[in-house]
Amino acid sequence: MSVEARERHGAREGGLEIRRLTLRDLAAIEEIERASYPTPWSRSMFAGELTKPASISLGAFEGAGLVGYVIVSRYVDAWHVMNVAVDPRERGRGIGTALLERLFEATASDVRRGYTLEVRVSNDGAIRLYERLGFKGRGVRRGYYTDNREDALIMWKDPIRPDRPA
């Protein structure tokens, strides 16, 4: 099954459904984004990523409500995890893990590309999550975040090989 087909096909994790985000989800995305980040993305930034052919945008839904999302862009040598957020009221339940594991499943056949992301050096919880999922710190972007000039830890995860677990 292609990356696009796996991404379109919703997957259930317990009572959680993980499926591709659409423009109809923008209001719910913005609500979680504003509650999660001091400098949230704009609606147009999300709309651009949701419609970009080289992006994968997955949402975690419980009932009809969005509880988290991941936005990823495909580059020549990597899948760049651009944005991950979980509703603050729903954190600590494994939703971020489920979203990233679903991303790894959807991209498993793409053995040429690894995964990269930036995370605030002060975000210990997110760093621990990424490390549990196989990401390793590989550098620092000084003053990366515009709200307070905080540094970003650059993390990488090697491509998933069919003979190795995610």
N, C-alpha and C. Protein backbone atom coordinates (compact mmCIF):
# COMPACT_ATOMS: atom_id res chain seq x y z
N MET A 1 0.86 -1.18 0.00
CA MET A 1 0.00 0.00 0.00
C MET A 1 0.90 1.24 0.00
N SER A 2 0.57 2.24 -0.81
CA SER A 2 1.39 3.45 -0.90
C SER A 2 1.28 4.28 0.38
N VAL A 3 2.22 5.23 0.54
CA VAL A 3 2.18 6.14 1.68
C VAL A 3 0.85 6.87 1.71
N GLU A 4 0.41 7.37 0.55
CA GLU A 4 -0.83 8.13 0.49
C GLU A 4 -2.03 7.27 0.87
N ALA A 5 -2.07 6.03 0.42
CA ALA A 5 -3.20 5.16 0.74
C ALA A 5 -3.22 4.82 2.23
N ARG A 6 -2.04 4.55 2.80
CA ARG A 6 -2.00 4.24 4.24
C ARG A 6 -2.41 5.46 5.06
N GLU A 7 -2.03 6.65 4.60
CA GLU A 7 -2.35 7.87 5.33
C GLU A 7 -3.85 8.17 5.26
N ARG A 8 -4.47 7.93 4.10
CA ARG A 8 -5.90 8.20 3.95
C ARG A 8 -6.74 7.25 4.77
N HIS A 9 -6.29 6.02 4.88
CA HIS A 9 -7.04 4.99 5.59
C HIS A 9 -6.93 5.22 7.09
N GLY A 10 -8.02 5.51 7.73
CA GLY A 10 -8.00 5.76 9.18
C GLY A 10 -7.61 4.51 9.96
N ALA A 11 -6.85 4.71 11.02
CA ALA A 11 -6.45 3.61 11.89
C ALA A 11 -6.99 3.88 13.28
N ARG A 12 -7.43 2.84 13.95
CA ARG A 12 -7.97 3.01 15.31
C ARG A 12 -6.98 2.50 16.32
N GLU A 13 -6.76 3.28 17.35
CA GLU A 13 -5.92 2.91 18.50
C GLU A 13 -6.84 2.97 19.70
N GLY A 14 -7.42 1.84 20.11
CA GLY A 14 -8.40 1.87 21.19
C GLY A 14 -9.60 2.68 20.73
N GLY A 15 -10.02 3.70 21.49
CA GLY A 15 -11.12 4.56 21.09
C GLY A 15 -10.68 5.73 20.24
N LEU A 16 -9.41 5.74 19.86
CA LEU A 16 -8.82 6.83 19.10
C LEU A 16 -8.80 6.47 17.63
N GLU A 17 -9.28 7.36 16.78
CA GLU A 17 -9.17 7.16 15.34
C GLU A 17 -8.13 8.13 14.81
N ILE A 18 -7.17 7.60 14.06
CA ILE A 18 -6.15 8.44 13.45
C ILE A 18 -6.40 8.44 11.96
N ARG A 19 -6.62 9.64 11.43
CA ARG A 19 -6.92 9.77 10.00
C ARG A 19 -6.33 11.07 9.46
N ARG A 20 -6.35 11.16 8.15
CA ARG A 20 -5.84 12.35 7.48
C ARG A 20 -6.68 13.57 7.86
N LEU A 21 -6.02 14.69 8.12
CA LEU A 21 -6.71 15.95 8.40
C LEU A 21 -7.19 16.58 7.10
N THR A 22 -8.28 17.32 7.18
CA THR A 22 -8.81 18.05 6.03
C THR A 22 -8.99 19.52 6.42
N LEU A 23 -9.30 20.33 5.44
CA LEU A 23 -9.54 21.75 5.71
C LEU A 23 -10.70 21.96 6.67
N ARG A 24 -11.64 21.02 6.73
CA ARG A 24 -12.77 21.12 7.68
C ARG A 24 -12.30 21.04 9.13
N ASP A 25 -11.09 20.54 9.35
CA ASP A 25 -10.55 20.39 10.71
C ASP A 25 -9.81 21.63 11.19
N LEU A 26 -9.71 22.67 10.37
CA LEU A 26 -8.88 23.83 10.70
C LEU A 26 -9.25 24.50 12.02
N ALA A 27 -10.53 24.68 12.30
CA ALA A 27 -10.92 25.36 13.54
C ALA A 27 -10.45 24.57 14.76
N ALA A 28 -10.61 23.26 14.74
CA ALA A 28 -10.18 22.43 15.86
C ALA A 28 -8.66 22.41 15.98
N ILE A 29 -7.97 22.39 14.84
CA ILE A 29 -6.50 22.44 14.84
C ILE A 29 -6.04 23.73 15.50
N GLU A 30 -6.64 24.85 15.08
CA GLU A 30 -6.25 26.15 15.63
C GLU A 30 -6.48 26.22 17.14
N GLU A 31 -7.54 25.63 17.61
CA GLU A 31 -7.84 25.66 19.05
C GLU A 31 -6.74 24.94 19.84
N ILE A 32 -6.35 23.76 19.37
CA ILE A 32 -5.28 23.02 20.04
C ILE A 32 -3.96 23.76 19.90
N GLU A 33 -3.69 24.29 18.73
CA GLU A 33 -2.44 25.02 18.49
C GLU A 33 -2.29 26.21 19.43
N ARG A 34 -3.35 27.00 19.57
CA ARG A 34 -3.30 28.19 20.45
C ARG A 34 -3.11 27.81 21.91
N ALA A 35 -3.68 26.67 22.31
CA ALA A 35 -3.54 26.22 23.69
C ALA A 35 -2.17 25.58 23.94
N SER A 36 -1.45 25.25 22.87
CA SER A 36 -0.20 24.49 23.01
C SER A 36 1.06 25.31 22.84
N TYR A 37 1.02 26.39 22.08
CA TYR A 37 2.25 27.09 21.72
C TYR A 37 2.14 28.59 21.94
N PRO A 38 3.23 29.21 22.43
CA PRO A 38 3.21 30.67 22.62
C PRO A 38 3.19 31.44 21.29
N THR A 39 3.72 30.85 20.23
CA THR A 39 3.67 31.47 18.90
C THR A 39 3.03 30.48 17.93
N PRO A 40 1.70 30.40 17.94
CA PRO A 40 1.01 29.40 17.12
C PRO A 40 1.13 29.68 15.63
N TRP A 41 1.04 28.59 14.86
CA TRP A 41 0.95 28.73 13.42
C TRP A 41 -0.35 29.43 13.07
N SER A 42 -0.36 30.10 11.92
CA SER A 42 -1.58 30.75 11.42
C SER A 42 -2.45 29.72 10.69
N ARG A 43 -3.71 30.09 10.49
CA ARG A 43 -4.62 29.23 9.74
C ARG A 43 -4.09 28.98 8.34
N SER A 44 -3.51 29.99 7.71
CA SER A 44 -3.00 29.81 6.34
C SER A 44 -1.79 28.87 6.31
N MET A 45 -0.98 28.86 7.36
CA MET A 45 0.14 27.91 7.41
C MET A 45 -0.39 26.48 7.46
N PHE A 46 -1.40 26.24 8.28
CA PHE A 46 -2.00 24.90 8.35
C PHE A 46 -2.66 24.54 7.03
N ALA A 47 -3.42 25.46 6.45
CA ALA A 47 -4.10 25.18 5.18
C ALA A 47 -3.08 24.81 4.11
N GLY A 48 -1.96 25.51 4.08
CA GLY A 48 -0.92 25.21 3.10
C GLY A 48 -0.37 23.80 3.28
N GLU A 49 -0.11 23.40 4.52
CA GLU A 49 0.41 22.06 4.78
C GLU A 49 -0.63 20.98 4.49
N LEU A 50 -1.89 21.25 4.82
CA LEU A 50 -2.94 20.25 4.58
C LEU A 50 -3.15 19.97 3.10
N THR A 51 -2.85 20.94 2.26
CA THR A 51 -3.09 20.78 0.82
C THR A 51 -1.82 20.49 0.02
N LYS A 52 -0.68 20.51 0.66
CA LYS A 52 0.59 20.28 -0.02
C LYS A 52 0.78 18.80 -0.30
N PRO A 53 1.03 18.42 -1.56
CA PRO A 53 1.20 17.00 -1.88
C PRO A 53 2.36 16.33 -1.13
N ALA A 54 3.38 17.08 -0.76
CA ALA A 54 4.54 16.49 -0.08
C ALA A 54 4.39 16.47 1.43
N SER A 55 3.17 16.66 1.94
CA SER A 55 2.94 16.65 3.38
C SER A 55 2.04 15.49 3.78
N ILE A 56 2.22 15.06 5.01
CA ILE A 56 1.30 14.12 5.64
C ILE A 56 0.77 14.84 6.88
N SER A 57 -0.54 14.94 6.97
CA SER A 57 -1.19 15.62 8.10
C SER A 57 -2.19 14.66 8.71
N LEU A 58 -1.88 14.19 9.92
CA LEU A 58 -2.73 13.20 10.58
C LEU A 58 -3.33 13.80 11.84
N GLY A 59 -4.58 13.44 12.10
CA GLY A 59 -5.25 13.87 13.32
C GLY A 59 -5.70 12.69 14.13
N ALA A 60 -5.69 12.86 15.44
CA ALA A 60 -6.21 11.85 16.36
C ALA A 60 -7.57 12.35 16.83
N PHE A 61 -8.60 11.53 16.61
CA PHE A 61 -9.98 11.90 16.94
C PHE A 61 -10.54 10.94 17.97
N GLU A 62 -11.26 11.50 18.90
CA GLU A 62 -12.03 10.71 19.85
C GLU A 62 -13.46 11.15 19.68
N GLY A 63 -14.33 10.23 19.28
CA GLY A 63 -15.67 10.63 18.89
C GLY A 63 -15.53 11.56 17.68
N ALA A 64 -16.20 12.68 17.72
CA ALA A 64 -16.10 13.64 16.62
C ALA A 64 -15.02 14.69 16.86
N GLY A 65 -14.37 14.65 18.03
CA GLY A 65 -13.45 15.72 18.40
C GLY A 65 -11.99 15.42 18.13
N LEU A 66 -11.29 16.41 17.61
CA LEU A 66 -9.85 16.32 17.40
C LEU A 66 -9.15 16.49 18.75
N VAL A 67 -8.21 15.59 19.06
CA VAL A 67 -7.47 15.68 20.32
C VAL A 67 -5.97 15.84 20.10
N GLY A 68 -5.51 15.72 18.86
CA GLY A 68 -4.09 15.92 18.56
C GLY A 68 -3.83 15.80 17.08
N TYR A 69 -2.64 16.24 16.67
CA TYR A 69 -2.28 16.17 15.24
C TYR A 69 -0.78 16.16 15.07
N VAL A 70 -0.35 15.72 13.90
CA VAL A 70 1.04 15.77 13.47
C VAL A 70 1.04 16.23 12.02
N ILE A 71 1.95 17.17 11.71
CA ILE A 71 2.12 17.70 10.36
C ILE A 71 3.55 17.41 9.95
N VAL A 72 3.72 16.73 8.81
CA VAL A 72 5.04 16.29 8.37
C VAL A 72 5.23 16.64 6.91
N SER A 73 6.42 17.15 6.55
CA SER A 73 6.74 17.45 5.16
C SER A 73 7.82 16.50 4.67
N ARG A 74 7.67 16.07 3.43
CA ARG A 74 8.65 15.17 2.81
C ARG A 74 9.70 16.00 2.09
N TYR A 75 10.95 15.77 2.45
CA TYR A 75 12.08 16.38 1.77
C TYR A 75 12.88 15.29 1.07
N VAL A 76 13.94 15.67 0.37
CA VAL A 76 14.72 14.71 -0.41
C VAL A 76 15.21 13.56 0.46
N ASP A 77 15.75 13.88 1.65
CA ASP A 77 16.37 12.84 2.46
C ASP A 77 15.68 12.58 3.80
N ALA A 78 14.56 13.26 4.07
CA ALA A 78 13.94 13.11 5.39
C ALA A 78 12.47 13.49 5.38
N TRP A 79 11.76 12.94 6.36
CA TRP A 79 10.42 13.40 6.71
C TRP A 79 10.63 14.39 7.85
N HIS A 80 10.26 15.64 7.65
CA HIS A 80 10.46 16.68 8.66
C HIS A 80 9.16 16.83 9.46
N VAL A 81 9.22 16.46 10.73
CA VAL A 81 8.07 16.62 11.61
C VAL A 81 7.99 18.10 11.95
N MET A 82 7.03 18.78 11.33
CA MET A 82 6.92 20.24 11.44
C MET A 82 6.16 20.69 12.69
N ASN A 83 5.13 19.91 13.05
CA ASN A 83 4.27 20.34 14.15
C ASN A 83 3.58 19.12 14.74
N VAL A 84 3.67 19.00 16.06
CA VAL A 84 2.95 17.96 16.80
C VAL A 84 2.30 18.64 17.98
N ALA A 85 1.02 18.40 18.19
CA ALA A 85 0.35 18.98 19.36
C ALA A 85 -0.78 18.06 19.81
N VAL A 86 -0.96 18.02 21.13
CA VAL A 86 -2.07 17.29 21.74
C VAL A 86 -2.79 18.27 22.64
N ASP A 87 -4.11 18.22 22.60
CA ASP A 87 -4.93 19.06 23.47
C ASP A 87 -4.38 18.95 24.90
N PRO A 88 -4.07 20.09 25.55
CA PRO A 88 -3.49 20.03 26.90
C PRO A 88 -4.31 19.20 27.89
N ARG A 89 -5.63 19.14 27.71
CA ARG A 89 -6.49 18.35 28.61
C ARG A 89 -6.36 16.85 28.37
N GLU A 90 -5.74 16.47 27.25
CA GLU A 90 -5.65 15.05 26.86
C GLU A 90 -4.22 14.51 26.91
N ARG A 91 -3.29 15.30 27.36
CA ARG A 91 -1.88 14.87 27.37
C ARG A 91 -1.66 13.78 28.40
N GLY A 92 -0.61 12.99 28.15
CA GLY A 92 -0.26 11.91 29.06
C GLY A 92 -1.02 10.62 28.82
N ARG A 93 -1.77 10.56 27.72
CA ARG A 93 -2.58 9.38 27.41
C ARG A 93 -2.03 8.58 26.23
N GLY A 94 -0.86 8.97 25.71
CA GLY A 94 -0.26 8.25 24.59
C GLY A 94 -0.72 8.70 23.22
N ILE A 95 -1.39 9.84 23.14
CA ILE A 95 -1.91 10.31 21.85
C ILE A 95 -0.76 10.73 20.93
N GLY A 96 0.22 11.45 21.46
CA GLY A 96 1.38 11.84 20.65
C GLY A 96 2.12 10.62 20.14
N THR A 97 2.30 9.63 21.01
CA THR A 97 2.95 8.39 20.60
C THR A 97 2.16 7.71 19.49
N ALA A 98 0.85 7.61 19.64
CA ALA A 98 0.01 6.96 18.62
C ALA A 98 0.11 7.68 17.28
N LEU A 99 0.12 9.01 17.31
CA LEU A 99 0.23 9.76 16.06
C LEU A 99 1.57 9.50 15.37
N LEU A 100 2.65 9.53 16.11
CA LEU A 100 3.96 9.32 15.51
C LEU A 100 4.14 7.87 15.05
N GLU A 101 3.63 6.92 15.81
CA GLU A 101 3.71 5.54 15.37
C GLU A 101 2.91 5.33 14.09
N ARG A 102 1.76 5.99 13.97
CA ARG A 102 0.96 5.91 12.74
C ARG A 102 1.73 6.53 11.57
N LEU A 103 2.43 7.63 11.83
CA LEU A 103 3.28 8.23 10.80
C LEU A 103 4.34 7.22 10.34
N PHE A 104 4.99 6.55 11.28
CA PHE A 104 6.02 5.57 10.92
C PHE A 104 5.43 4.44 10.09
N GLU A 105 4.22 3.99 10.43
CA GLU A 105 3.55 2.96 9.64
C GLU A 105 3.27 3.46 8.23
N ALA A 106 2.77 4.69 8.12
CA ALA A 106 2.39 5.24 6.82
C ALA A 106 3.59 5.45 5.90
N THR A 107 4.77 5.63 6.48
CA THR A 107 5.97 5.91 5.69
C THR A 107 6.95 4.75 5.67
N ALA A 108 6.57 3.61 6.19
CA ALA A 108 7.49 2.48 6.35
C ALA A 108 8.12 2.01 5.05
N SER A 109 7.41 2.13 3.96
CA SER A 109 7.97 1.65 2.68
C SER A 109 8.99 2.62 2.11
N ASP A 110 9.12 3.80 2.66
CA ASP A 110 10.06 4.81 2.19
C ASP A 110 11.37 4.66 2.96
N VAL A 111 12.16 3.65 2.60
CA VAL A 111 13.36 3.31 3.37
C VAL A 111 14.53 4.26 3.13
N ARG A 112 14.39 5.22 2.22
CA ARG A 112 15.47 6.18 1.96
C ARG A 112 15.44 7.35 2.92
N ARG A 113 14.27 7.66 3.47
CA ARG A 113 14.13 8.88 4.28
C ARG A 113 14.03 8.56 5.76
N GLY A 114 14.84 9.27 6.55
CA GLY A 114 14.69 9.23 7.99
C GLY A 114 13.71 10.31 8.42
N TYR A 115 13.78 10.67 9.69
CA TYR A 115 12.84 11.64 10.26
C TYR A 115 13.65 12.67 11.04
N THR A 116 13.23 13.92 10.98
CA THR A 116 13.90 14.97 11.74
C THR A 116 12.86 15.91 12.33
N LEU A 117 13.26 16.59 13.39
CA LEU A 117 12.39 17.59 14.02
C LEU A 117 13.24 18.50 14.89
N GLU A 118 12.66 19.63 15.26
CA GLU A 118 13.24 20.53 16.24
C GLU A 118 12.30 20.59 17.42
N VAL A 119 12.87 20.66 18.62
CA VAL A 119 12.07 20.75 19.84
C VAL A 119 12.78 21.70 20.80
N ARG A 120 12.00 22.48 21.54
CA ARG A 120 12.60 23.38 22.52
C ARG A 120 13.48 22.59 23.49
N VAL A 121 14.65 23.11 23.79
CA VAL A 121 15.55 22.40 24.71
C VAL A 121 14.93 22.27 26.09
N SER A 122 13.96 23.12 26.42
CA SER A 122 13.30 23.06 27.73
C SER A 122 12.12 22.09 27.78
N ASN A 123 11.74 21.51 26.64
CA ASN A 123 10.56 20.65 26.58
C ASN A 123 10.95 19.20 26.88
N ASP A 124 11.23 18.95 28.16
CA ASP A 124 11.70 17.63 28.58
C ASP A 124 10.73 16.50 28.23
N GLY A 125 9.43 16.74 28.40
CA GLY A 125 8.45 15.70 28.10
C GLY A 125 8.47 15.29 26.64
N ALA A 126 8.52 16.26 25.75
CA ALA A 126 8.56 15.95 24.31
C ALA A 126 9.87 15.27 23.95
N ILE A 127 10.97 15.73 24.51
CA ILE A 127 12.27 15.11 24.21
C ILE A 127 12.26 13.65 24.65
N ARG A 128 11.73 13.36 25.82
CA ARG A 128 11.64 11.96 26.28
C ARG A 128 10.77 11.12 25.34
N LEU A 129 9.64 11.68 24.90
CA LEU A 129 8.78 10.98 23.95
C LEU A 129 9.55 10.65 22.68
N TYR A 130 10.22 11.64 22.10
CA TYR A 130 10.95 11.42 20.86
C TYR A 130 12.08 10.40 21.05
N GLU A 131 12.77 10.46 22.18
CA GLU A 131 13.82 9.49 22.45
C GLU A 131 13.25 8.07 22.56
N ARG A 132 12.10 7.93 23.22
CA ARG A 132 11.46 6.60 23.32
C ARG A 132 11.12 6.04 21.94
N LEU A 133 10.85 6.94 20.99
CA LEU A 133 10.48 6.52 19.64
C LEU A 133 11.70 6.40 18.72
N GLY A 134 12.90 6.54 19.27
CA GLY A 134 14.11 6.30 18.48
C GLY A 134 14.81 7.53 17.95
N PHE A 135 14.33 8.72 18.27
CA PHE A 135 15.03 9.94 17.84
C PHE A 135 16.24 10.16 18.74
N LYS A 136 17.29 10.75 18.15
CA LYS A 136 18.49 11.09 18.90
C LYS A 136 18.85 12.56 18.63
N GLY A 137 19.31 13.23 19.67
CA GLY A 137 19.76 14.61 19.50
C GLY A 137 21.02 14.64 18.64
N ARG A 138 21.02 15.53 17.63
CA ARG A 138 22.17 15.60 16.72
C ARG A 138 22.73 17.01 16.58
N GLY A 139 22.15 17.96 17.30
CA GLY A 139 22.66 19.33 17.21
C GLY A 139 21.69 20.31 17.83
N VAL A 140 22.07 21.57 17.80
CA VAL A 140 21.26 22.64 18.39
C VAL A 140 21.17 23.79 17.40
N ARG A 141 19.96 24.34 17.25
CA ARG A 141 19.78 25.58 16.48
C ARG A 141 19.65 26.70 17.51
N ARG A 142 20.65 27.55 17.58
CA ARG A 142 20.69 28.63 18.55
C ARG A 142 19.62 29.68 18.24
N GLY A 143 18.86 30.09 19.27
CA GLY A 143 17.88 31.16 19.12
C GLY A 143 16.77 30.86 18.13
N TYR A 144 16.43 29.60 17.95
CA TYR A 144 15.48 29.17 16.92
C TYR A 144 14.07 29.70 17.12
N TYR A 145 13.62 29.74 18.37
CA TYR A 145 12.23 30.13 18.64
C TYR A 145 12.13 31.64 18.79
N THR A 146 11.22 32.23 18.00
CA THR A 146 11.15 33.69 17.91
C THR A 146 10.53 34.37 19.12
N ASP A 147 9.75 33.65 19.93
CA ASP A 147 9.09 34.29 21.07
C ASP A 147 10.08 34.63 22.18
N ASN A 148 11.08 33.77 22.39
CA ASN A 148 12.02 34.03 23.48
C ASN A 148 13.47 33.68 23.12
N ARG A 149 13.72 33.41 21.85
CA ARG A 149 15.06 33.08 21.33
C ARG A 149 15.63 31.80 21.94
N GLU A 150 14.75 30.92 22.42
CA GLU A 150 15.19 29.65 22.98
C GLU A 150 15.81 28.79 21.89
N ASP A 151 16.79 27.99 22.29
CA ASP A 151 17.42 27.07 21.36
C ASP A 151 16.50 25.90 21.07
N ALA A 152 16.73 25.29 19.90
CA ALA A 152 16.01 24.06 19.52
C ALA A 152 17.00 22.92 19.46
N LEU A 153 16.62 21.79 20.02
CA LEU A 153 17.38 20.56 19.87
C LEU A 153 16.96 19.94 18.54
N ILE A 154 17.93 19.64 17.68
CA ILE A 154 17.65 18.98 16.41
C ILE A 154 17.75 17.48 16.67
N MET A 155 16.68 16.77 16.33
CA MET A 155 16.65 15.32 16.56
C MET A 155 16.44 14.60 15.23
N TRP A 156 17.04 13.42 15.12
CA TRP A 156 16.93 12.58 13.93
C TRP A 156 16.58 11.16 14.33
N LYS A 157 15.85 10.51 13.46
CA LYS A 157 15.56 9.08 13.57
C LYS A 157 15.89 8.48 12.21
N ASP A 158 16.67 7.40 12.23
CA ASP A 158 17.05 6.74 10.98
C ASP A 158 15.83 6.18 10.27
N PRO A 159 15.96 5.98 8.95
CA PRO A 159 14.85 5.35 8.22
C PRO A 159 14.48 4.02 8.84
N ILE A 160 13.22 3.67 8.74
CA ILE A 160 12.74 2.39 9.26
C ILE A 160 12.97 1.35 8.19
N ARG A 161 13.73 0.34 8.52
CA ARG A 161 13.99 -0.76 7.59
C ARG A 161 12.95 -1.85 7.83
N PRO A 162 12.53 -2.53 6.76
CA PRO A 162 11.52 -3.59 6.93
C PRO A 162 11.94 -4.66 7.93
N ASP A 163 13.26 -4.89 8.07
CA ASP A 163 13.74 -5.93 8.98
C ASP A 163 13.97 -5.43 10.40
N ARG A 164 13.67 -4.13 10.66
CA ARG A 164 13.85 -3.55 11.99
C ARG A 164 12.53 -2.97 12.47
N PRO A 165 12.22 -3.08 13.75
CA PRO A 165 10.98 -2.47 14.27
C PRO A 165 11.10 -0.95 14.29
N ALA A 166 9.95 -0.27 14.26
CA ALA A 166 9.92 1.20 14.29
C ALA A 166 10.47 1.67 15.61
